[in-house]
C-alpha atoms as a PDB file:
ATOM      1  CA  MET A   1       0.024   0.132  -0.074  1.00  0.00           C
ATOM      2  CA  THR A   2       1.292   3.460  -0.838  1.00  0.00           C
ATOM      3  CA  ASP A   3       2.414   5.669   1.773  1.00  0.00           C
ATOM      4  CA  VAL A   4       0.293   9.009   1.458  1.00  0.00           C
ATOM      5  CA  THR A   5       1.472  10.497   4.822  1.00  0.00           C
ATOM      6  CA  PRO A   6       3.874  12.994   3.080  1.00  0.00           C
ATOM      7  CA  VAL A   7       1.043  14.112   0.852  1.00  0.00           C
ATOM      8  CA  LEU A   8      -1.596  14.429   3.587  1.00  0.00           C
ATOM      9  CA  SER A   9       0.866  16.423   5.685  1.00  0.00           C
ATOM     10  CA  ALA A  10       1.639  18.591   2.800  1.00  0.00           C
ATOM     11  CA  ILE A  11      -2.294  19.332   2.303  1.00  0.00           C
ATOM     12  CA  LEU A  12      -2.641  20.083   5.916  1.00  0.00           C
ATOM     13  CA  VAL A  13       0.360  22.436   6.071  1.00  0.00           C
ATOM     14  CA  GLN A  14      -1.154  24.161   3.073  1.00  0.00           C
ATOM     15  CA  ALA A  15      -4.820  24.367   4.139  1.00  0.00           C
ATOM     16  CA  HIS A  16      -4.607  24.871   7.843  1.00  0.00           C
ATOM     17  CA  SER A  17      -1.024  26.514   8.797  1.00  0.00           C
ATOM     18  CA  PRO A  18      -1.136  30.178   9.173  1.00  0.00           C
ATOM     19  CA  PRO A  19       0.916  32.352   6.978  1.00  0.00           C
ATOM     20  CA  PRO A  20       4.329  32.897   7.665  1.00  0.00           C
ATOM     21  CA  LEU A  21       5.670  36.332   8.657  1.00  0.00           C
ATOM     22  CA  ALA A  22       6.450  38.574   5.841  1.00  0.00           C
ATOM     23  CA  SER A  23      10.123  38.524   4.852  1.00  0.00           C
ATOM     24  CA  THR A  24      11.793  41.780   4.017  1.00  0.00           C
ATOM     25  CA  GLY A  25      14.914  40.415   2.601  1.00  0.00           C
ATOM     26  CA  THR A  26      18.103  42.061   4.323  1.00  0.00           C
ATOM     27  CA  ALA A  27      16.294  43.207   7.304  1.00  0.00           C
ATOM     28  CA  HIS A  28      14.540  39.668   7.865  1.00  0.00           C
ATOM     29  CA  ALA A  29      17.872  38.112   7.637  1.00  0.00           C
ATOM     30  CA  ARG A  30      19.616  40.348  10.217  1.00  0.00           C
ATOM     31  CA  LEU A  31      16.636  39.867  12.712  1.00  0.00           C
ATOM     32  CA  SER A  32      17.097  36.178  12.400  1.00  0.00           C
ATOM     33  CA  GLN A  33      20.945  36.261  12.931  1.00  0.00           C
ATOM     34  CA  SER A  34      20.457  38.593  15.905  1.00  0.00           C
ATOM     35  CA  LEU A  35      17.717  36.241  17.614  1.00  0.00           C
ATOM     36  CA  ASP A  36      19.919  33.053  16.967  1.00  0.00           C
ATOM     37  CA  ALA A  37      23.035  35.088  18.613  1.00  0.00           C
ATOM     38  CA  PHE A  38      20.662  36.090  21.514  1.00  0.00           C
ATOM     39  CA  LEU A  39      19.094  32.721  21.881  1.00  0.00           C
ATOM     40  CA  HIS A  40      22.601  31.039  21.572  1.00  0.00           C
ATOM     41  CA  GLU A  41      23.843  33.020  24.520  1.00  0.00           C
ATOM     42  CA  ALA A  42      20.887  32.684  26.489  1.00  0.00           C
ATOM     43  CA  THR A  43      21.046  28.875  26.034  1.00  0.00           C
ATOM     44  CA  GLN A  44      24.610  28.882  27.372  1.00  0.00           C
ATOM     45  CA  ILE A  45      23.582  30.909  30.440  1.00  0.00           C
ATOM     46  CA  ASN A  46      20.500  28.471  31.072  1.00  0.00           C
ATOM     47  CA  ARG A  47      22.701  25.346  30.611  1.00  0.00           C
ATOM     48  CA  SER A  48      25.228  26.963  33.151  1.00  0.00           C
ATOM     49  CA  LEU A  49      22.329  27.692  35.486  1.00  0.00           C
ATOM     50  CA  SER A  50      21.249  24.308  35.399  1.00  0.00           C
ATOM     51  CA  SER A  51      24.630  22.694  36.096  1.00  0.00           C
ATOM     52  CA  LEU A  52      25.277  24.894  38.982  1.00  0.00           C
ATOM     53  CA  LEU A  53      21.652  24.104  40.510  1.00  0.00           C
ATOM     54  CA  ALA A  54      22.313  20.313  39.847  1.00  0.00           C
ATOM     55  CA  TYR A  55      25.742  20.867  41.487  1.00  0.00           C
ATOM     56  CA  LEU A  56      24.426  22.566  44.688  1.00  0.00           C
ATOM     57  CA  LYS A  57      21.967  19.884  45.130  1.00  0.00           C
ATOM     58  CA  SER A  58      24.322  17.069  44.931  1.00  0.00           C
ATOM     59  CA  ILE A  59      26.996  18.893  47.257  1.00  0.00           C
ATOM     60  CA  ARG A  60      24.285  19.810  50.010  1.00  0.00           C
ATOM     61  CA  GLN A  61      24.725  16.813  52.202  1.00  0.00           C
ATOM     62  CA  PRO A  62      28.510  16.617  52.250  1.00  0.00           C
ATOM     63  CA  TYR A  63      28.772  20.256  52.473  1.00  0.00           C
ATOM     64  CA  LEU A  64      26.311  20.366  55.635  1.00  0.00           C
ATOM     65  CA  SER A  65      27.491  17.169  57.133  1.00  0.00           C
ATOM     66  CA  SER A  66      29.556  17.474  60.520  1.00  0.00           C
ATOM     67  CA  ALA A  67      30.644  13.523  60.451  1.00  0.00           C
ATOM     68  CA  PRO A  68      34.521  13.179  60.535  1.00  0.00           C
ATOM     69  CA  PRO A  69      35.835  12.030  57.071  1.00  0.00           C
ATOM     70  CA  PRO A  70      36.899   8.450  56.835  1.00  0.00           C
ATOM     71  CA  ARG A  71      40.540   7.584  57.798  1.00  0.00           C
ATOM     72  CA  ARG A  72      41.033   6.147  54.114  1.00  0.00           C
ATOM     73  CA  ARG A  73      40.152   8.465  51.380  1.00  0.00           C
ATOM     74  CA  ALA A  74      39.823   7.208  47.811  1.00  0.00           C
ATOM     75  CA  HIS A  75      41.432  10.558  46.596  1.00  0.00           C
ATOM     76  CA  SER A  76      43.535  13.162  47.966  1.00  0.00           C
ATOM     77  CA  LYS A  77      42.803  16.703  48.293  1.00  0.00           C
ATOM     78  CA  SER A  78      44.850  17.472  45.260  1.00  0.00           C
ATOM     79  CA  GLN A  79      42.895  15.323  43.064  1.00  0.00           C
ATOM     80  CA  LEU A  80      39.566  16.477  44.272  1.00  0.00           C
ATOM     81  CA  GLN A  81      37.709  18.778  41.642  1.00  0.00           C
ATOM     82  CA  LEU A  82      35.585  20.994  43.471  1.00  0.00           C
ATOM     83  CA  SER A  83      34.409  23.142  40.565  1.00  0.00           C
ATOM     84  CA  PRO A  84      30.490  23.757  40.292  1.00  0.00           C
ATOM     85  CA  LEU A  85      30.787  22.025  36.704  1.00  0.00           C
ATOM     86  CA  ALA A  86      32.647  18.910  37.580  1.00  0.00           C
ATOM     87  CA  PRO A  87      31.114  15.593  37.770  1.00  0.00           C
ATOM     88  CA  ASP A  88      32.769  14.115  40.644  1.00  0.00           C
ATOM     89  CA  ILE A  89      31.421  14.870  43.869  1.00  0.00           C
ATOM     90  CA  PRO A  90      33.079  14.001  47.115  1.00  0.00           C
ATOM     91  CA  THR A  91      31.430  12.221  49.901  1.00  0.00           C
ATOM     92  CA  HIS A  92      33.163  14.096  52.547  1.00  0.00           C
ATOM     93  CA  LEU A  93      34.546  17.621  52.992  1.00  0.00           C
ATOM     94  CA  ASP A  94      36.660  19.453  55.096  1.00  0.00           C
ATOM     95  CA  ASP A  95      36.468  23.119  56.135  1.00  0.00           C
ATOM     96  CA  ASP A  96      38.964  24.040  53.416  1.00  0.00           C
ATOM     97  CA  GLN A  97      37.025  22.434  50.814  1.00  0.00           C
ATOM     98  CA  ARG A  98      33.923  23.915  51.930  1.00  0.00           C
ATOM     99  CA  GLU A  99      35.567  27.576  51.629  1.00  0.00           C
ATOM    100  CA  GLU A 100      36.904  26.730  48.257  1.00  0.00           C
ATOM    101  CA  ILE A 101      33.196  25.570  47.237  1.00  0.00           C
ATOM    102  CA  ASP A 102      32.130  28.839  48.444  1.00  0.00           C
ATOM    103  CA  ARG A 103      34.688  30.921  46.530  1.00  0.00           C
ATOM    104  CA  GLN A 104      34.018  29.032  43.414  1.00  0.00           C
ATOM    105  CA  THR A 105      30.086  29.166  43.504  1.00  0.00           C
ATOM    106  CA  ALA A 106      30.292  32.868  44.214  1.00  0.00           C
ATOM    107  CA  SER A 107      32.687  33.213  41.397  1.00  0.00           C
ATOM    108  CA  VAL A 108      30.374  31.212  39.030  1.00  0.00           C
ATOM    109  CA  LEU A 109      27.284  33.041  40.148  1.00  0.00           C
ATOM    110  CA  GLY A 110      29.240  36.570  39.494  1.00  0.00           C
ATOM    111  CA  ASP A 111      30.183  35.167  35.991  1.00  0.00           C
ATOM    112  CA  ILE A 112      26.525  34.590  35.137  1.00  0.00           C
ATOM    113  CA  ASN A 113      25.192  37.589  36.705  1.00  0.00           C
ATOM    114  CA  GLY A 114      27.684  39.467  34.260  1.00  0.00           C
ATOM    115  CA  ASN A 115      26.664  37.463  31.388  1.00  0.00           C
ATOM    116  CA  ILE A 116      23.010  38.336  31.954  1.00  0.00           C
ATOM    117  CA  THR A 117      23.915  41.982  32.615  1.00  0.00           C
ATOM    118  CA  ASN A 118      25.948  42.061  29.285  1.00  0.00           C
ATOM    119  CA  LEU A 119      23.090  40.458  27.510  1.00  0.00           C
ATOM    120  CA  SER A 120      20.439  42.752  28.920  1.00  0.00           C
ATOM    121  CA  ALA A 121      22.485  45.728  27.841  1.00  0.00           C
ATOM    122  CA  ALA A 122      22.907  44.334  24.197  1.00  0.00           C
ATOM    123  CA  VAL A 123      19.238  43.967  23.861  1.00  0.00           C
ATOM    124  CA  SER A 124      18.600  47.421  25.205  1.00  0.00           C
ATOM    125  CA  LEU A 125      21.050  48.785  22.850  1.00  0.00           C
ATOM    126  CA  GLN A 126      19.632  46.921  19.847  1.00  0.00           C
ATOM    127  CA  TYR A 127      16.437  47.993  20.644  1.00  0.00           C
ATOM    128  CA  ASP A 128      17.416  51.780  20.668  1.00  0.00           C
ATOM    129  CA  THR A 129      19.304  51.391  17.538  1.00  0.00           C
ATOM    130  CA  ALA A 130      16.049  49.731  15.821  1.00  0.00           C
ATOM    131  CA  GLN A 131      13.977  52.580  17.039  1.00  0.00           C
ATOM    132  CA  LYS A 132      16.361  55.352  15.536  1.00  0.00           C
ATOM    133  CA  VAL A 133      16.159  53.447  12.543  1.00  0.00           C
ATOM    134  CA  LEU A 134      12.789  53.521  12.258  1.00  0.00           C
ATOM    135  CA  GLU A 135      12.531  57.212  13.083  1.00  0.00           C
ATOM    136  CA  GLN A 136      14.971  58.024  10.342  1.00  0.00           C
ATOM    137  CA  LYS A 137      13.110  55.701   7.877  1.00  0.00           C
ATOM    138  CA  TYR A 138       9.743  56.916   8.929  1.00  0.00           C
ATOM    139  CA  GLY A 139       9.934  60.083  10.617  1.00  0.00           C
ATOM    140  CA  LYS A 140       8.635  60.952  14.204  1.00  0.00           C
ATOM    141  CA  PRO A 141       5.016  61.775  13.890  1.00  0.00           C
ATOM    142  CA  SER A 142       4.849  63.154  17.689  1.00  0.00           C
ATOM    143  CA  GLY A 143       3.167  66.630  16.934  1.00  0.00           C
ATOM    144  CA  LEU A 144      -0.590  67.222  16.524  1.00  0.00           C
ATOM    145  CA  LEU A 145      -0.098  68.939  13.211  1.00  0.00           C
ATOM    146  CA  TRP A 146       1.309  65.612  11.856  1.00  0.00           C
ATOM    147  CA  LYS A 147      -1.676  63.693  13.270  1.00  0.00           C
ATOM    148  CA  TRP A 148      -4.242  66.601  12.059  1.00  0.00           C
ATOM    149  CA  ALA A 149      -2.600  66.319   8.634  1.00  0.00           C
ATOM    150  CA  ALA A 150      -3.146  62.627   8.471  1.00  0.00           C
ATOM    151  CA  GLY A 151      -6.733  62.612   9.351  1.00  0.00           C
ATOM    152  CA  ASP A 152      -6.770  59.723  11.575  1.00  0.00           C
ATOM    153  CA  GLY A 153      -7.607  61.250  14.857  1.00  0.00           C
ATOM    154  CA  ASP A 154      -5.697  61.650  17.983  1.00  0.00           C
ATOM    155  CA  THR A 155      -4.441  57.780  18.267  1.00  0.00           C
ATOM    156  CA  PRO A 156      -0.784  56.870  18.667  1.00  0.00           C
ATOM    157  CA  ASP A 157      -0.667  55.237  15.462  1.00  0.00           C
ATOM    158  CA  ALA A 158      -2.163  58.357  13.542  1.00  0.00           C
ATOM    159  CA  GLY A 159      -0.246  58.980  10.304  1.00  0.00           C
ATOM    160  CA  LYS A 160       1.439  55.928  10.331  1.00  0.00           C
ATOM    161  CA  SER A 161       1.418  53.454   7.105  1.00  0.00           C
ATOM    162  CA  GLU A 162       0.602  49.859   7.122  1.00  0.00           C
ATOM    163  CA  GLN A 163       4.533  48.881   6.639  1.00  0.00           C
ATOM    164  CA  GLN A 164       5.636  51.276   9.404  1.00  0.00           C
ATOM    165  CA  LEU A 165       3.190  49.680  11.987  1.00  0.00           C
ATOM    166  CA  GLU A 166       4.525  46.144  10.844  1.00  0.00           C
ATOM    167  CA  ASP A 167       8.085  47.334  11.529  1.00  0.00           C
ATOM    168  CA  GLU A 168       7.340  48.922  14.689  1.00  0.00           C
ATOM    169  CA  GLY A 169       5.308  45.710  15.894  1.00  0.00           C
ATOM    170  CA  ARG A 170       8.107  43.598  15.078  1.00  0.00           C
ATOM    171  CA  VAL A 171      10.638  45.568  17.068  1.00  0.00           C
ATOM    172  CA  LYS A 172       8.377  45.499  19.955  1.00  0.00           C
ATOM    173  CA  THR A 173       7.561  41.825  19.775  1.00  0.00           C
ATOM    174  CA  THR A 174      11.193  41.008  19.613  1.00  0.00           C
ATOM    175  CA  ARG A 175      11.835  43.372  22.378  1.00  0.00           C
ATOM    176  CA  GLY A 176       9.043  41.783  24.640  1.00  0.00           C
ATOM    177  CA  PHE A 177      10.486  38.197  23.791  1.00  0.00           C
ATOM    178  CA  ARG A 178      14.060  39.048  24.877  1.00  0.00           C
ATOM    179  CA  ASP A 179      12.703  40.753  28.033  1.00  0.00           C
ATOM    180  CA  GLY A 180      10.873  37.518  29.031  1.00  0.00           C
ATOM    181  CA  VAL A 181      13.879  35.235  28.295  1.00  0.00           C
ATOM    182  CA  LEU A 182      16.115  37.633  30.488  1.00  0.00           C
ATOM    183  CA  TRP A 183      13.368  37.703  33.291  1.00  0.00           C
ATOM    184  CA  TYR A 184      13.438  33.706  33.170  1.00  0.00           C
ATOM    185  CA  LEU A 185      17.274  33.491  33.270  1.00  0.00           C
ATOM    186  CA  SER A 186      17.442  36.246  35.936  1.00  0.00           C
ATOM    187  CA  ASN A 187      14.847  34.310  38.044  1.00  0.00           C
ATOM    188  CA  ARG A 188      16.735  30.988  37.877  1.00  0.00           C
ATOM    189  CA  LEU A 189      19.974  32.964  38.777  1.00  0.00           C
ATOM    190  CA  GLU A 190      18.196  34.304  42.024  1.00  0.00           C
ATOM    191  CA  ARG A 191      16.841  30.811  42.791  1.00  0.00           C
ATOM    192  CA  ALA A 192      20.510  29.584  42.649  1.00  0.00           C
ATOM    193  CA  VAL A 193      21.583  32.386  44.836  1.00  0.00           C
ATOM    194  CA  ARG A 194      18.996  31.584  47.546  1.00  0.00           C
ATOM    195  CA  VAL A 195      19.977  27.906  47.474  1.00  0.00           C
ATOM    196  CA  GLN A 196      23.767  28.779  48.113  1.00  0.00           C
ATOM    197  CA  GLN A 197      22.745  31.245  50.662  1.00  0.00           C
ATOM    198  CA  GLU A 198      20.667  28.781  52.511  1.00  0.00           C
ATOM    199  CA  MET A 199      23.404  26.234  52.447  1.00  0.00           C
ATOM    200  CA  VAL A 200      25.866  28.876  53.840  1.00  0.00           C
ATOM    201  CA  GLN A 201      23.418  30.048  56.441  1.00  0.00           C
ATOM    202  CA  VAL A 202      22.816  26.529  57.719  1.00  0.00           C
ATOM    203  CA  ARG A 203      26.365  25.648  57.783  1.00  0.00           C
ATOM    204  CA  LEU A 204      26.955  28.976  59.879  1.00  0.00           C
ATOM    205  CA  GLU A 205      24.415  28.334  62.089  1.00  0.00           C
ATOM    206  CA  ARG A 206      25.387  24.799  62.971  1.00  0.00           C
ATOM    207  CA  GLU A 207      29.084  26.043  63.415  1.00  0.00           C
ATOM    208  CA  ARG A 208      28.022  28.698  65.939  1.00  0.00           C
ATOM    209  CA  GLN A 209      25.799  26.092  67.763  1.00  0.00           C
ATOM    210  CA  ARG A 210      28.883  23.629  67.944  1.00  0.00           C
ATOM    211  CA  GLN A 211      31.021  26.306  69.144  1.00  0.00           C
ATOM    212  CA  MET A 212      28.538  27.391  71.793  1.00  0.00           C
ATOM    213  CA  SER A 213      27.948  23.801  72.913  1.00  0.00           C
ATOM    214  CA  VAL A 214      29.850  23.031  76.341  1.00  0.00           C
ATOM    215  CA  LEU A 215      29.849  19.265  75.424  1.00  0.00           C
ATOM    216  CA  TYR A 216      31.964  20.100  72.453  1.00  0.00           C
ATOM    217  CA  ASP A 217      35.626  20.014  73.197  1.00  0.00           C
ATOM    218  CA  LYS A 218      38.062  18.821  70.587  1.00  0.00           C
ATOM    219  CA  SER A 219      40.961  18.152  72.828  1.00  0.00           C
ATOM    220  CA  ASN A 220      38.736  16.216  75.332  1.00  0.00           C
ATOM    221  CA  ARG A 221      36.579  14.084  72.905  1.00  0.00           C
ATOM    222  CA  ASP A 222      37.946  10.779  73.829  1.00  0.00           C
ATOM    223  CA  VAL A 223      37.970  11.416  77.541  1.00  0.00           C
ATOM    224  CA  ARG A 224      35.564   8.773  79.563  1.00  0.00           C
ATOM    225  CA  LEU A 225      34.438   8.685  82.879  1.00  0.00           C
ATOM    226  CA  PRO A 226      36.640   6.381  85.043  1.00  0.00           C
ATOM    227  CA  SER A 227      34.853   3.327  86.584  1.00  0.00           C
ATOM    228  CA  ASP A 228      36.671   3.900  89.883  1.00  0.00           C
ATOM    229  CA  SER A 229      35.243   6.698  91.714  1.00  0.00           C
ATOM    230  CA  SER A 230      38.284   6.866  93.791  1.00  0.00           C
ATOM    231  CA  THR A 231      40.357   8.042  91.067  1.00  0.00           C
ATOM    232  CA  LEU A 232      38.354  11.354  91.412  1.00  0.00           C
ATOM    233  CA  ILE A 233      39.403  11.913  94.813  1.00  0.00           C
ATOM    234  CA  GLY A 234      42.787  10.563  94.992  1.00  0.00           C
ATOM    235  CA  GLY A 235      45.666   8.788  92.848  1.00  0.00           C
ATOM    236  CA  SER A 236      46.236   5.222  92.446  1.00  0.00           C
ATOM    237  CA  ASP A 237      48.640   5.197  95.496  1.00  0.00           C
ATOM    238  CA  GLY A 238      45.717   6.204  97.844  1.00  0.00           C
ATOM    239  CA  THR A 239      46.904   9.821  98.376  1.00  0.00           C
ATOM    240  CA  ARG A 240      44.342  12.683  98.024  1.00  0.00           C
ATOM    241  CA  ASP A 241      44.744  15.521  95.614  1.00  0.00           C
ATOM    242  CA  PRO A 242      45.721  18.686  96.852  1.00  0.00           C
ATOM    243  CA  GLU A 243      43.195  21.129  98.509  1.00  0.00           C
ATOM    244  CA  PRO A 244      41.626  23.728  96.348  1.00  0.00           C
ATOM    245  CA  GLY A 245      43.423  26.290  98.101  1.00  0.00           C
ATOM    246  CA  ALA A 246      46.867  24.955  97.788  1.00  0.00           C
ATOM    247  CA  PRO A 247      49.403  26.250  95.224  1.00  0.00           C
ATOM    248  CA  LEU A 248      49.851  24.519  92.084  1.00  0.00           C
ATOM    249  CA  SER A 249      53.167  23.080  91.167  1.00  0.00           C
ATOM    250  CA  PRO A 250      55.066  24.163  88.190  1.00  0.00           C
ATOM    251  CA  GLU A 251      54.382  20.955  86.243  1.00  0.00           C
ATOM    252  CA  GLN A 252      50.621  21.600  86.495  1.00  0.00           C
ATOM    253  CA  MET A 253      50.764  25.389  85.627  1.00  0.00           C
ATOM    254  CA  GLN A 254      52.989  24.224  82.405  1.00  0.00           C
ATOM    255  CA  LEU A 255      50.076  21.808  81.715  1.00  0.00           C
ATOM    256  CA  PHE A 256      47.276  24.360  82.181  1.00  0.00           C
ATOM    257  CA  GLU A 257      49.039  26.896  80.056  1.00  0.00           C
ATOM    258  CA  GLU A 258      49.420  24.285  77.161  1.00  0.00           C
ATOM    259  CA  GLU A 259      45.666  23.299  77.461  1.00  0.00           C
ATOM    260  CA  ASN A 260      44.744  27.037  77.481  1.00  0.00           C
ATOM    261  CA  ARG A 261      46.974  27.673  74.460  1.00  0.00           C
ATOM    262  CA  GLY A 262      45.487  24.818  72.579  1.00  0.00           C
ATOM    263  CA  LEU A 263      42.017  25.857  73.314  1.00  0.00           C
ATOM    264  CA  LEU A 264      42.895  29.514  72.385  1.00  0.00           C
ATOM    265  CA  GLU A 265      44.225  28.215  68.914  1.00  0.00           C
ATOM    266  CA  HIS A 266      41.253  26.079  68.411  1.00  0.00           C
ATOM    267  CA  VAL A 267      38.663  28.784  69.285  1.00  0.00           C
ATOM    268  CA  ASN A 268      40.636  31.064  66.889  1.00  0.00           C
ATOM    269  CA  ASP A 269      40.756  28.698  64.163  1.00  0.00           C
ATOM    270  CA  GLN A 270      36.835  28.146  64.433  1.00  0.00           C
ATOM    271  CA  LEU A 271      36.431  32.004  64.664  1.00  0.00           C
ATOM    272  CA  ALA A 272      38.171  32.327  61.383  1.00  0.00           C
ATOM    273  CA  ARG A 273      36.088  29.759  59.834  1.00  0.00           C
ATOM    274  CA  VAL A 274      33.130  31.417  60.918  1.00  0.00           C
ATOM    275  CA  THR A 275      34.239  34.927  59.713  1.00  0.00           C
ATOM    276  CA  GLN A 276      34.982  33.334  56.256  1.00  0.00           C
ATOM    277  CA  ALA A 277      31.346  31.911  56.160  1.00  0.00           C
ATOM    278  CA  GLU A 278      30.042  35.292  57.001  1.00  0.00           C
ATOM    279  CA  LYS A 279      31.758  36.796  54.346  1.00  0.00           C
ATOM    280  CA  SER A 280      30.635  34.518  51.752  1.00  0.00           C
ATOM    281  CA  MET A 281      27.144  34.970  52.927  1.00  0.00           C
ATOM    282  CA  ARG A 282      27.624  38.924  52.908  1.00  0.00           C
ATOM    283  CA  GLU A 283      28.819  38.369  49.096  1.00  0.00           C
ATOM    284  CA  ILE A 284      25.903  36.233  48.160  1.00  0.00           C
ATOM    285  CA  SER A 285      23.278  38.662  49.810  1.00  0.00           C
ATOM    286  CA  SER A 286      24.922  41.602  47.798  1.00  0.00           C
ATOM    287  CA  LEU A 287      24.479  39.495  44.797  1.00  0.00           C
ATOM    288  CA  GLN A 288      20.997  38.737  45.708  1.00  0.00           C
ATOM    289  CA  GLN A 289      20.004  42.350  46.141  1.00  0.00           C
ATOM    290  CA  THR A 290      21.610  43.110  42.815  1.00  0.00           C
ATOM    291  CA  LEU A 291      19.540  40.418  41.161  1.00  0.00           C
ATOM    292  CA  ALA A 292      16.364  41.712  42.802  1.00  0.00           C
ATOM    293  CA  SER A 293      16.858  45.076  41.723  1.00  0.00           C
ATOM    294  CA  GLN A 294      17.325  43.806  37.897  1.00  0.00           C
ATOM    295  CA  LEU A 295      14.058  41.522  38.351  1.00  0.00           C
ATOM    296  CA  SER A 296      12.390  44.752  39.573  1.00  0.00           C
ATOM    297  CA  VAL A 297      13.256  46.519  36.601  1.00  0.00           C
ATOM    298  CA  GLN A 298      12.755  43.776  34.331  1.00  0.00           C
ATOM    299  CA  SER A 299       9.092  43.342  35.727  1.00  0.00           C
ATOM    300  CA  ASP A 300       8.308  46.812  35.441  1.00  0.00           C
ATOM    301  CA  THR A 301       9.294  46.574  31.727  1.00  0.00           C
ATOM    302  CA  ILE A 302       7.305  43.526  31.163  1.00  0.00           C
ATOM    303  CA  ASN A 303       4.516  45.247  32.905  1.00  0.00           C
ATOM    304  CA  GLN A 304       4.805  48.287  30.576  1.00  0.00           C
ATOM    305  CA  LEU A 305       4.755  46.004  27.430  1.00  0.00           C
ATOM    306  CA  VAL A 306       1.578  44.473  28.724  1.00  0.00           C
ATOM    307  CA  GLU A 307      -0.008  47.937  29.429  1.00  0.00           C
ATOM    308  CA  ASP A 308       1.184  48.920  25.773  1.00  0.00           C
ATOM    309  CA  ALA A 309      -0.350  45.632  24.347  1.00  0.00           C
ATOM    310  CA  GLY A 310      -3.633  46.600  25.947  1.00  0.00           C
ATOM    311  CA  LYS A 311      -3.476  49.997  24.736  1.00  0.00           C
ATOM    312  CA  THR A 312      -2.915  48.827  21.347  1.00  0.00           C
ATOM    313  CA  ASP A 313      -6.039  46.787  21.476  1.00  0.00           C
ATOM    314  CA  GLU A 314      -8.153  49.523  22.605  1.00  0.00           C
ATOM    315  CA  ASN A 315      -6.760  51.818  19.871  1.00  0.00           C
ATOM    316  CA  VAL A 316      -7.576  49.046  17.228  1.00  0.00           C
ATOM    317  CA  ARG A 317     -11.124  48.703  18.600  1.00  0.00           C
ATOM    318  CA  ARG A 318     -11.422  52.729  18.505  1.00  0.00           C
ATOM    319  CA  GLY A 319     -10.097  52.605  15.050  1.00  0.00           C
ATOM    320  CA  ASN A 320     -12.725  49.933  13.905  1.00  0.00           C
ATOM    321  CA  ARG A 321     -15.330  52.200  15.457  1.00  0.00           C
ATOM    322  CA  GLU A 322     -14.283  55.291  13.796  1.00  0.00           C
ATOM    323  CA  LEU A 323     -13.945  53.417  10.555  1.00  0.00           C
ATOM    324  CA  GLN A 324     -17.565  52.237  10.825  1.00  0.00           C
ATOM    325  CA  ARG A 325     -18.689  55.850  11.666  1.00  0.00           C
ATOM    326  CA  ALA A 326     -16.511  56.966   8.750  1.00  0.00           C
ATOM    327  CA  THR A 327     -18.308  54.467   6.655  1.00  0.00           C
ATOM    328  CA  ALA A 328     -21.561  55.594   7.546  1.00  0.00           C
ATOM    329  CA  ARG A 329     -20.920  59.220   7.183  1.00  0.00           C
ATOM    330  CA  SER A 330     -19.515  58.462   3.746  1.00  0.00           C
ATOM    331  CA  SER A 331     -22.791  56.813   2.870  1.00  0.00           C
ATOM    332  CA  THR A 332     -24.725  60.021   3.642  1.00  0.00           C
ATOM    333  CA  ALA A 333     -22.303  62.133   1.817  1.00  0.00           C
ATOM    334  CA  LYS A 334     -22.819  59.956  -1.480  1.00  0.00           C
ATOM    335  CA  SER A 335     -26.556  60.410  -0.989  1.00  0.00           C
ATOM    336  CA  VAL A 336     -26.364  63.874  -0.874  1.00  0.00           C
ATOM    337  CA  PHE A 337     -23.726  64.120  -3.646  1.00  0.00           C
ATOM    338  CA  TRP A 338     -25.868  61.914  -5.980  1.00  0.00           C
ATOM    339  CA  ALA A 339     -28.907  63.852  -5.072  1.00  0.00           C
ATOM    340  CA  THR A 340     -27.173  67.305  -5.693  1.00  0.00           C
ATOM    341  CA  THR A 341     -25.723  65.925  -9.110  1.00  0.00           C
ATOM    342  CA  ALA A 342     -29.297  64.952 -10.191  1.00  0.00           C
ATOM    343  CA  LEU A 343     -30.839  68.351  -9.041  1.00  0.00           C
ATOM    344  CA  CYS A 344     -28.021  70.065 -11.193  1.00  0.00           C
ATOM    345  CA  SER A 345     -28.645  67.706 -14.093  1.00  0.00           C
ATOM    346  CA  PHE A 346     -32.298  68.460 -13.688  1.00  0.00           C
ATOM    347  CA  LEU A 347     -31.766  72.139 -13.740  1.00  0.00           C
ATOM    348  CA  VAL A 348     -29.248  72.157 -16.749  1.00  0.00           C
ATOM    349  CA  VAL A 349     -31.771  70.351 -18.780  1.00  0.00           C
ATOM    350  CA  TRP A 350     -34.668  72.371 -17.719  1.00  0.00           C
ATOM    351  CA  ASP A 351     -32.587  75.469 -18.611  1.00  0.00           C
ATOM    352  CA  LEU A 352     -31.623  73.944 -22.232  1.00  0.00           C
ATOM    353  CA  VAL A 353     -35.250  72.836 -22.942  1.00  0.00           C
ATOM    354  CA  PHE A 354     -37.137  75.995 -21.770  1.00  0.00           C
END
């Protein structure tokens, strides 16, 4: 049996598909090239965001885990790749690796934000250039005299040709599409920033709780309570410890100094880690504020485009009503014209006859 699927598809496309957009030659080719370049760059940014979000999701458990790493590791620190775009995810992380993850993630977020900002600036520049080209090609009919001479009323599209309206509509549609893509990318970037910020906040909170806990003491982690209570009040030879008011021996003073020095170094080390985590969180918060301001501007732009679309629809309806009124007035004018013509013809014939 003959396969008629291609023929049927061609008939359906020819009969029911909407007509393609009118091609304007070189201008249409430039528009296609600019759209392709914009979509290519936006796709690269979106792919980077997807990889970053997947990395943050996979690294969350070892990043927030406080369990000690195993003694035997399959890879050394130099072999671990802690890049947000690396496929290998370690199962255990130390504090240095967590700080490296924070730095690299903040760097990737900053690069993506810079790419989105540059893309947005390029879109604005292309839109302004297209507007200037249209003004040079068709003029700028912003005065009342221009609209009055065109005879189209006080609508924003008064005095504009069909080709001009089509070109302006193409420019506005392209700008609206690009603004929507930029808003989507900025929204995804803000989501990645929130995920990273939440991870840093949880880590910082856990670090503070661990430092404030009295039970956490790195130097006395392996100390256990003796089974013989006599060791608490005396030595193995049956002698008792010195009284609380008795002076300490030089050996005991040296032991206390070493313990205090070790405890101070440990506290300073933990304080430095907490300070680094707070610094990372401040950087992420600053980036989030920048993204929030950009999203606000893009939301205002999109709202303005929606409002312009509503005004365009209202103007089209008003134009249709004016066209109907003009049609009715033209019918009346035609009747008056033909009546006047008939009367004049009758008078001329009457004058010739009589």
